[in-house]
Amino acid sequence: MITLKGKNLYLRALEPEDLEFVFSIENDEDLWELSATQTPYSRFLIKQYLDNAHQDIFEAKQLRLVICNYDNKTLGLIDLFDFDFKNKRAGVGILIKRQEDRAQGHGREALDLLVNYSFDTLHLHQLYCNISEDNEVSLSLFEKKGFKRVGLKNDWNFNGKTYKNEFLLQLINN
């Protein structure tokens, strides 16, 4: 199993034992706005997803890693998605599940590990992310890592009540 190790945490591949953790994230309606999810996922579908998690990024066009601390506590997930080998780019998403685990530096360290892996191992040229205009915590996290706001998508996401703008941020490996 490949792990990406940092000072306080590590990133690892999904395992069958992650079923309940992923199920709880995918079915938490408070998080749906972050991922554009609109319907719940069954355990069966998530089990199928985990059964296929062995596919590499070149085949699946995505990579989802689990964020864990060295006490083996599962903290969240970090993703590369829309992997485009030809253009050497991918999108990035990150989620620290529990409120009490946020604002502890876990997101920053996990993002550092993923960016380094993306540029040094996958040899990507750029990473991007899409962040709601009102998500100041995520905007700050990505901007501190060097991501630049390159566009604003007006009325991009409907949350059931109103439309929200979304920033496109980009980090180019020079």
C-alpha atoms as a PDB file:
ATOM      1  CA  MET A   1       0.000   0.000   0.000  1.00  0.00           C
ATOM      2  CA  ILE A   2       1.365   3.396  -0.982  1.00  0.00           C
ATOM      3  CA  THR A   3       1.224   6.032   1.704  1.00  0.00           C
ATOM      4  CA  LEU A   4       2.224   9.632   1.513  1.00  0.00           C
ATOM      5  CA  LYS A   5       3.675  10.574   4.862  1.00  0.00           C
ATOM      6  CA  GLY A   6       3.836  13.972   6.495  1.00  0.00           C
ATOM      7  CA  LYS A   7       4.854  15.181   9.925  1.00  0.00           C
ATOM      8  CA  ASN A   8       1.452  14.743  11.603  1.00  0.00           C
ATOM      9  CA  LEU A   9      -0.563  12.684   9.142  1.00  0.00           C
ATOM     10  CA  TYR A  10      -0.430  10.427   6.132  1.00  0.00           C
ATOM     11  CA  LEU A  11      -2.529   9.776   3.033  1.00  0.00           C
ATOM     12  CA  ARG A  12      -3.438   6.224   2.101  1.00  0.00           C
ATOM     13  CA  ALA A  13      -5.492   4.357  -0.462  1.00  0.00           C
ATOM     14  CA  LEU A  14      -9.103   3.494   0.232  1.00  0.00           C
ATOM     15  CA  GLU A  15      -9.687   0.145   1.929  1.00  0.00           C
ATOM     16  CA  PRO A  16     -12.851  -1.971   2.301  1.00  0.00           C
ATOM     17  CA  GLU A  17     -12.877  -0.944   5.974  1.00  0.00           C
ATOM     18  CA  ASP A  18     -13.567   2.647   4.874  1.00  0.00           C
ATOM     19  CA  LEU A  19     -17.118   1.767   3.796  1.00  0.00           C
ATOM     20  CA  GLU A  20     -18.892   3.340   6.784  1.00  0.00           C
ATOM     21  CA  PHE A  21     -16.671   6.448   6.751  1.00  0.00           C
ATOM     22  CA  VAL A  22     -17.260   7.098   3.036  1.00  0.00           C
ATOM     23  CA  PHE A  23     -20.956   6.242   3.430  1.00  0.00           C
ATOM     24  CA  SER A  24     -21.303   8.812   6.217  1.00  0.00           C
ATOM     25  CA  ILE A  25     -19.620  11.527   4.133  1.00  0.00           C
ATOM     26  CA  GLU A  26     -21.534  10.821   0.913  1.00  0.00           C
ATOM     27  CA  ASN A  27     -24.853  10.826   2.792  1.00  0.00           C
ATOM     28  CA  ASP A  28     -24.281  13.899   4.960  1.00  0.00           C
ATOM     29  CA  GLU A  29     -26.666  16.449   3.453  1.00  0.00           C
ATOM     30  CA  ASP A  30     -24.682  19.286   5.051  1.00  0.00           C
ATOM     31  CA  LEU A  31     -21.759  18.333   2.786  1.00  0.00           C
ATOM     32  CA  TRP A  32     -23.706  17.886  -0.440  1.00  0.00           C
ATOM     33  CA  GLU A  33     -23.246  21.506  -1.414  1.00  0.00           C
ATOM     34  CA  LEU A  34     -19.466  20.980  -1.482  1.00  0.00           C
ATOM     35  CA  SER A  35     -19.654  18.084  -3.921  1.00  0.00           C
ATOM     36  CA  ALA A  36     -22.766  18.918  -5.967  1.00  0.00           C
ATOM     37  CA  THR A  37     -24.373  15.723  -4.639  1.00  0.00           C
ATOM     38  CA  GLN A  38     -28.163  15.674  -4.743  1.00  0.00           C
ATOM     39  CA  THR A  39     -29.102  12.137  -3.791  1.00  0.00           C
ATOM     40  CA  PRO A  40     -28.026   9.658  -1.126  1.00  0.00           C
ATOM     41  CA  TYR A  41     -25.718   6.745  -1.933  1.00  0.00           C
ATOM     42  CA  SER A  42     -26.419   3.207  -0.812  1.00  0.00           C
ATOM     43  CA  ARG A  43     -23.865   1.079   0.997  1.00  0.00           C
ATOM     44  CA  PHE A  44     -24.045  -1.264  -2.005  1.00  0.00           C
ATOM     45  CA  LEU A  45     -22.952   1.485  -4.421  1.00  0.00           C
ATOM     46  CA  ILE A  46     -20.172   2.658  -2.121  1.00  0.00           C
ATOM     47  CA  LYS A  47     -19.000  -0.947  -1.697  1.00  0.00           C
ATOM     48  CA  GLN A  48     -18.848  -1.254  -5.495  1.00  0.00           C
ATOM     49  CA  TYR A  49     -16.880   1.993  -5.622  1.00  0.00           C
ATOM     50  CA  LEU A  50     -14.442   0.685  -2.996  1.00  0.00           C
ATOM     51  CA  ASP A  51     -14.149  -2.628  -4.869  1.00  0.00           C
ATOM     52  CA  ASN A  52     -12.960  -0.642  -7.902  1.00  0.00           C
ATOM     53  CA  ALA A  53     -10.697   1.695  -5.930  1.00  0.00           C
ATOM     54  CA  HIS A  54      -7.722  -0.449  -6.961  1.00  0.00           C
ATOM     55  CA  GLN A  55      -7.816   1.147 -10.421  1.00  0.00           C
ATOM     56  CA  ASP A  56      -4.942   3.513 -10.876  1.00  0.00           C
ATOM     57  CA  ILE A  57      -5.403   7.186 -11.676  1.00  0.00           C
ATOM     58  CA  PHE A  58      -4.643   6.624 -15.350  1.00  0.00           C
ATOM     59  CA  GLU A  59      -7.548   4.173 -15.636  1.00  0.00           C
ATOM     60  CA  ALA A  60     -10.089   5.713 -13.250  1.00  0.00           C
ATOM     61  CA  LYS A  61      -9.216   9.374 -13.992  1.00  0.00           C
ATOM     62  CA  GLN A  62      -9.419  10.036 -10.258  1.00  0.00           C
ATOM     63  CA  LEU A  63      -7.618   9.234  -7.050  1.00  0.00           C
ATOM     64  CA  ARG A  64      -9.276   9.386  -3.646  1.00  0.00           C
ATOM     65  CA  LEU A  65      -7.036   9.125  -0.612  1.00  0.00           C
ATOM     66  CA  VAL A  66      -7.877   8.870   3.066  1.00  0.00           C
ATOM     67  CA  ILE A  67      -6.340  11.411   5.452  1.00  0.00           C
ATOM     68  CA  CYS A  68      -5.203   9.736   8.701  1.00  0.00           C
ATOM     69  CA  ASN A  69      -3.225  10.849  11.718  1.00  0.00           C
ATOM     70  CA  TYR A  70      -0.526   8.660  13.257  1.00  0.00           C
ATOM     71  CA  ASP A  71      -3.025   7.335  15.809  1.00  0.00           C
ATOM     72  CA  ASN A  72      -4.746   5.864  12.717  1.00  0.00           C
ATOM     73  CA  LYS A  73      -7.751   8.126  13.183  1.00  0.00           C
ATOM     74  CA  THR A  74      -9.481   8.721   9.861  1.00  0.00           C
ATOM     75  CA  LEU A  75      -9.805  12.487   9.432  1.00  0.00           C
ATOM     76  CA  GLY A  76     -11.085  13.023   5.919  1.00  0.00           C
ATOM     77  CA  LEU A  77     -10.627  12.529   2.206  1.00  0.00           C
ATOM     78  CA  ILE A  78      -8.563  14.259  -0.452  1.00  0.00           C
ATOM     79  CA  ASP A  79      -9.155  13.733  -4.157  1.00  0.00           C
ATOM     80  CA  LEU A  80      -7.632  14.236  -7.532  1.00  0.00           C
ATOM     81  CA  PHE A  81     -10.445  14.204 -10.084  1.00  0.00           C
ATOM     82  CA  ASP A  82     -10.869  14.851 -13.821  1.00  0.00           C
ATOM     83  CA  PHE A  83      -7.308  13.595 -14.266  1.00  0.00           C
ATOM     84  CA  ASP A  84      -6.221  14.636 -17.755  1.00  0.00           C
ATOM     85  CA  PHE A  85      -2.990  12.872 -18.703  1.00  0.00           C
ATOM     86  CA  LYS A  86      -2.658  14.589 -22.085  1.00  0.00           C
ATOM     87  CA  ASN A  87      -2.830  18.084 -20.611  1.00  0.00           C
ATOM     88  CA  LYS A  88      -1.197  17.043 -17.320  1.00  0.00           C
ATOM     89  CA  ARG A  89      -3.810  18.500 -14.991  1.00  0.00           C
ATOM     90  CA  ALA A  90      -6.310  17.429 -12.356  1.00  0.00           C
ATOM     91  CA  GLY A  91      -8.854  18.927 -10.009  1.00  0.00           C
ATOM     92  CA  VAL A  92      -8.373  18.793  -6.238  1.00  0.00           C
ATOM     93  CA  GLY A  93     -10.967  18.389  -3.513  1.00  0.00           C
ATOM     94  CA  ILE A  94     -10.495  18.002   0.224  1.00  0.00           C
ATOM     95  CA  LEU A  95     -12.754  17.374   3.184  1.00  0.00           C
ATOM     96  CA  ILE A  96     -12.017  17.059   6.891  1.00  0.00           C
ATOM     97  CA  LYS A  97     -15.143  15.309   8.168  1.00  0.00           C
ATOM     98  CA  ARG A  98     -15.531  16.252  11.826  1.00  0.00           C
ATOM     99  CA  GLN A  99     -15.737  19.852  12.974  1.00  0.00           C
ATOM    100  CA  GLU A 100     -13.401  19.169  15.905  1.00  0.00           C
ATOM    101  CA  ASP A 101     -10.671  18.009  13.480  1.00  0.00           C
ATOM    102  CA  ARG A 102     -10.843  21.192  11.394  1.00  0.00           C
ATOM    103  CA  ALA A 103      -8.591  24.231  11.894  1.00  0.00           C
ATOM    104  CA  GLN A 104      -5.838  21.917  13.182  1.00  0.00           C
ATOM    105  CA  GLY A 105      -3.569  22.120  10.112  1.00  0.00           C
ATOM    106  CA  HIS A 106      -4.694  18.737   8.748  1.00  0.00           C
ATOM    107  CA  GLY A 107      -6.057  20.201   5.511  1.00  0.00           C
ATOM    108  CA  ARG A 108      -2.891  22.198   4.915  1.00  0.00           C
ATOM    109  CA  GLU A 109      -0.614  19.210   5.480  1.00  0.00           C
ATOM    110  CA  ALA A 110      -2.771  16.879   3.367  1.00  0.00           C
ATOM    111  CA  LEU A 111      -2.870  19.444   0.551  1.00  0.00           C
ATOM    112  CA  ASP A 112       0.926  19.847   0.742  1.00  0.00           C
ATOM    113  CA  LEU A 113       1.380  16.080   0.416  1.00  0.00           C
ATOM    114  CA  LEU A 114      -1.041  15.818  -2.508  1.00  0.00           C
ATOM    115  CA  VAL A 115       0.423  18.784  -4.398  1.00  0.00           C
ATOM    116  CA  ASN A 116       3.956  17.416  -4.002  1.00  0.00           C
ATOM    117  CA  TYR A 117       2.806  13.958  -5.144  1.00  0.00           C
ATOM    118  CA  SER A 118       0.960  15.460  -8.118  1.00  0.00           C
ATOM    119  CA  PHE A 119       3.940  17.470  -9.332  1.00  0.00           C
ATOM    120  CA  ASP A 120       6.852  15.217  -8.324  1.00  0.00           C
ATOM    121  CA  THR A 121       5.425  11.737  -8.965  1.00  0.00           C
ATOM    122  CA  LEU A 122       2.575  12.206 -11.446  1.00  0.00           C
ATOM    123  CA  HIS A 123       4.448  15.034 -13.224  1.00  0.00           C
ATOM    124  CA  LEU A 124       1.320  17.143 -13.557  1.00  0.00           C
ATOM    125  CA  HIS A 125       1.661  20.667 -14.881  1.00  0.00           C
ATOM    126  CA  GLN A 126      -1.305  22.134 -13.046  1.00  0.00           C
ATOM    127  CA  LEU A 127      -3.933  21.567 -10.407  1.00  0.00           C
ATOM    128  CA  TYR A 128      -7.227  23.389 -10.033  1.00  0.00           C
ATOM    129  CA  CYS A 129     -10.105  23.591  -7.618  1.00  0.00           C
ATOM    130  CA  ASN A 130     -13.617  25.005  -7.542  1.00  0.00           C
ATOM    131  CA  ILE A 131     -14.602  26.758  -4.323  1.00  0.00           C
ATOM    132  CA  SER A 132     -17.800  28.545  -3.383  1.00  0.00           C
ATOM    133  CA  GLU A 133     -17.348  32.297  -3.050  1.00  0.00           C
ATOM    134  CA  ASP A 134     -18.494  32.159   0.579  1.00  0.00           C
ATOM    135  CA  ASN A 135     -16.162  29.303   1.621  1.00  0.00           C
ATOM    136  CA  GLU A 136     -13.486  31.554   3.096  1.00  0.00           C
ATOM    137  CA  VAL A 137     -11.714  28.725   4.954  1.00  0.00           C
ATOM    138  CA  SER A 138     -11.121  26.708   1.775  1.00  0.00           C
ATOM    139  CA  LEU A 139     -10.210  29.786  -0.247  1.00  0.00           C
ATOM    140  CA  SER A 140      -7.606  30.690   2.374  1.00  0.00           C
ATOM    141  CA  LEU A 141      -6.225  27.128   2.488  1.00  0.00           C
ATOM    142  CA  PHE A 142      -5.703  26.892  -1.262  1.00  0.00           C
ATOM    143  CA  GLU A 143      -4.413  30.452  -1.648  1.00  0.00           C
ATOM    144  CA  LYS A 144      -1.829  29.906   1.100  1.00  0.00           C
ATOM    145  CA  LYS A 145      -0.583  26.930  -0.954  1.00  0.00           C
ATOM    146  CA  GLY A 146      -0.161  29.217  -3.988  1.00  0.00           C
ATOM    147  CA  PHE A 147      -3.397  28.595  -5.878  1.00  0.00           C
ATOM    148  CA  LYS A 148      -4.538  31.747  -7.707  1.00  0.00           C
ATOM    149  CA  ARG A 149      -8.091  32.842  -8.401  1.00  0.00           C
ATOM    150  CA  VAL A 150      -8.410  32.814 -12.166  1.00  0.00           C
ATOM    151  CA  GLY A 151     -12.142  33.161 -12.613  1.00  0.00           C
ATOM    152  CA  LEU A 152     -15.524  33.604 -10.998  1.00  0.00           C
ATOM    153  CA  LYS A 153     -18.450  31.508 -12.190  1.00  0.00           C
ATOM    154  CA  ASN A 154     -21.576  33.558 -11.474  1.00  0.00           C
ATOM    155  CA  ASP A 155     -24.725  31.817 -10.189  1.00  0.00           C
ATOM    156  CA  TRP A 156     -22.872  28.525 -10.648  1.00  0.00           C
ATOM    157  CA  ASN A 157     -24.383  26.335  -7.927  1.00  0.00           C
ATOM    158  CA  PHE A 158     -27.961  26.186  -6.690  1.00  0.00           C
ATOM    159  CA  ASN A 159     -28.206  25.151  -3.037  1.00  0.00           C
ATOM    160  CA  GLY A 160     -31.980  24.670  -3.033  1.00  0.00           C
ATOM    161  CA  LYS A 161     -32.659  28.295  -2.095  1.00  0.00           C
ATOM    162  CA  THR A 162     -30.282  30.566  -3.977  1.00  0.00           C
ATOM    163  CA  TYR A 163     -27.570  30.499  -6.572  1.00  0.00           C
ATOM    164  CA  LYS A 164     -23.991  30.844  -5.391  1.00  0.00           C
ATOM    165  CA  ASN A 165     -20.911  32.040  -7.204  1.00  0.00           C
ATOM    166  CA  GLU A 166     -17.889  29.764  -7.405  1.00  0.00           C
ATOM    167  CA  PHE A 167     -14.221  30.630  -7.844  1.00  0.00           C
ATOM    168  CA  LEU A 168     -11.889  28.651 -10.080  1.00  0.00           C
ATOM    169  CA  LEU A 169      -8.390  28.508  -8.602  1.00  0.00           C
ATOM    170  CA  GLN A 170      -5.304  27.184 -10.332  1.00  0.00           C
ATOM    171  CA  LEU A 171      -1.776  26.188  -9.331  1.00  0.00           C
ATOM    172  CA  ILE A 172       0.747  25.842 -12.152  1.00  0.00           C
ATOM    173  CA  ASN A 173       3.969  23.904 -11.606  1.00  0.00           C
ATOM    174  CA  ASN A 174       6.718  26.020 -13.135  1.00  0.00           C
END
